[in-house]
Amino acid sequence: MGIVEIALTGSLVLLGISVLLIVVFGVKNVASGKHEWSKIAIIFLPFALFGVTFGVTGNMTESALITFLVMIVLMVVLIFMGGLRSSFKF
């Protein structure tokens, strides 16, 4: 095993540990009431959107592209709505 494989394995192990800790502490904070479910559910929106588009198209590349474009459009619309809200004090 060369140095490249050792470095890659080490970085993947550290990445896995960090993701595991994020999940553990996230569940702990939700259980203690420090976070709201609605804010956490927003994180799963792209995954759900990808699942729906993959179910409709059956093609991984098209589903990824549609998900990407929909998320970009959604981001632009929400930024615009936030600007309107702050400009007109809704």
Protein backbone atom coordinates (compact mmCIF):
# COMPACT_ATOMS: atom_id res chain seq x y z
CA MET A 1 0.00 0.00 0.00
CA GLY A 2 1.50 3.29 -1.11
CA ILE A 3 1.40 6.69 0.51
CA VAL A 4 -1.45 7.79 -1.74
CA GLU A 5 -3.70 4.96 -0.60
CA ILE A 6 -2.82 5.60 3.04
CA ALA A 7 -3.56 9.32 2.71
CA LEU A 8 -6.82 8.68 0.88
CA THR A 9 -7.94 6.09 3.41
CA GLY A 10 -7.06 8.38 6.31
CA SER A 11 -8.96 11.30 4.84
CA LEU A 12 -12.02 9.15 4.15
CA VAL A 13 -11.94 7.78 7.70
CA LEU A 14 -11.75 11.29 9.13
CA LEU A 15 -14.57 12.41 6.86
CA GLY A 16 -16.69 9.46 7.97
CA ILE A 17 -16.04 10.19 11.64
CA SER A 18 -16.97 13.84 11.19
CA VAL A 19 -20.23 13.00 9.40
CA LEU A 20 -21.08 10.49 12.12
CA LEU A 21 -20.45 13.09 14.83
CA ILE A 22 -22.55 15.67 12.98
CA VAL A 23 -25.45 13.22 12.86
CA VAL A 24 -25.06 12.22 16.52
CA PHE A 25 -24.92 15.78 17.82
CA GLY A 26 -27.69 16.85 15.45
CA VAL A 27 -30.00 14.16 16.83
CA LYS A 28 -29.00 15.15 20.36
CA ASN A 29 -29.83 18.82 19.70
CA VAL A 30 -33.17 17.96 18.11
CA ALA A 31 -34.04 15.68 21.03
CA SER A 32 -33.19 18.40 23.53
CA GLY A 33 -35.30 20.94 21.64
CA LYS A 34 -32.51 23.24 20.49
CA HIS A 35 -33.43 22.92 16.80
CA GLU A 36 -36.68 22.94 14.88
CA TRP A 37 -37.78 20.08 12.65
CA SER A 38 -38.89 22.45 9.89
CA LYS A 39 -35.39 23.86 9.47
CA ILE A 40 -33.87 20.40 9.39
CA ALA A 41 -36.47 19.12 6.92
CA ILE A 42 -35.37 21.77 4.41
CA ILE A 43 -32.02 19.98 4.16
CA PHE A 44 -33.75 16.92 2.71
CA LEU A 45 -35.56 18.87 -0.03
CA PRO A 46 -32.90 18.26 -2.73
CA PHE A 47 -32.83 14.54 -1.95
CA ALA A 48 -36.61 14.29 -2.19
CA LEU A 49 -36.62 16.32 -5.39
CA PHE A 50 -33.94 14.08 -6.88
CA GLY A 51 -35.91 10.99 -5.90
CA VAL A 52 -39.04 12.29 -7.58
CA THR A 53 -37.24 13.32 -10.75
CA PHE A 54 -35.38 10.01 -10.90
CA GLY A 55 -38.67 8.18 -10.51
CA VAL A 56 -40.16 10.18 -13.37
CA THR A 57 -37.24 10.21 -15.80
CA GLY A 58 -35.40 7.02 -14.84
CA ASN A 59 -32.11 8.63 -15.85
CA MET A 60 -29.51 9.65 -13.28
CA THR A 61 -27.99 12.47 -15.34
CA GLU A 62 -31.29 14.07 -16.27
CA SER A 63 -32.49 13.82 -12.68
CA ALA A 64 -29.36 15.50 -11.35
CA LEU A 65 -29.63 18.29 -13.91
CA ILE A 66 -33.33 18.88 -13.23
CA THR A 67 -32.68 18.91 -9.48
CA PHE A 68 -29.83 21.37 -9.94
CA LEU A 69 -31.88 23.72 -12.10
CA VAL A 70 -34.93 23.61 -9.83
CA MET A 71 -32.79 24.34 -6.77
CA ILE A 72 -31.11 27.28 -8.53
CA VAL A 73 -34.49 28.71 -9.57
CA LEU A 74 -35.85 28.18 -6.06
CA MET A 75 -32.83 29.97 -4.59
CA VAL A 76 -33.27 32.96 -6.93
CA VAL A 77 -36.99 33.19 -6.16
CA LEU A 78 -36.41 33.03 -2.40
CA ILE A 79 -33.66 35.66 -2.57
CA PHE A 80 -36.02 37.89 -4.56
CA MET A 81 -38.84 37.33 -2.06
CA GLY A 82 -36.50 38.11 0.82
CA GLY A 83 -35.45 41.33 -0.87
CA LEU A 84 -39.06 42.33 -1.42
CA ARG A 85 -39.91 41.52 2.17
CA SER A 86 -37.08 43.60 3.57
CA SER A 87 -37.68 46.47 1.13
CA PHE A 88 -41.39 46.83 1.77
CA LYS A 89 -41.43 45.61 5.41
CA PHE A 90 -44.03 42.86 4.91
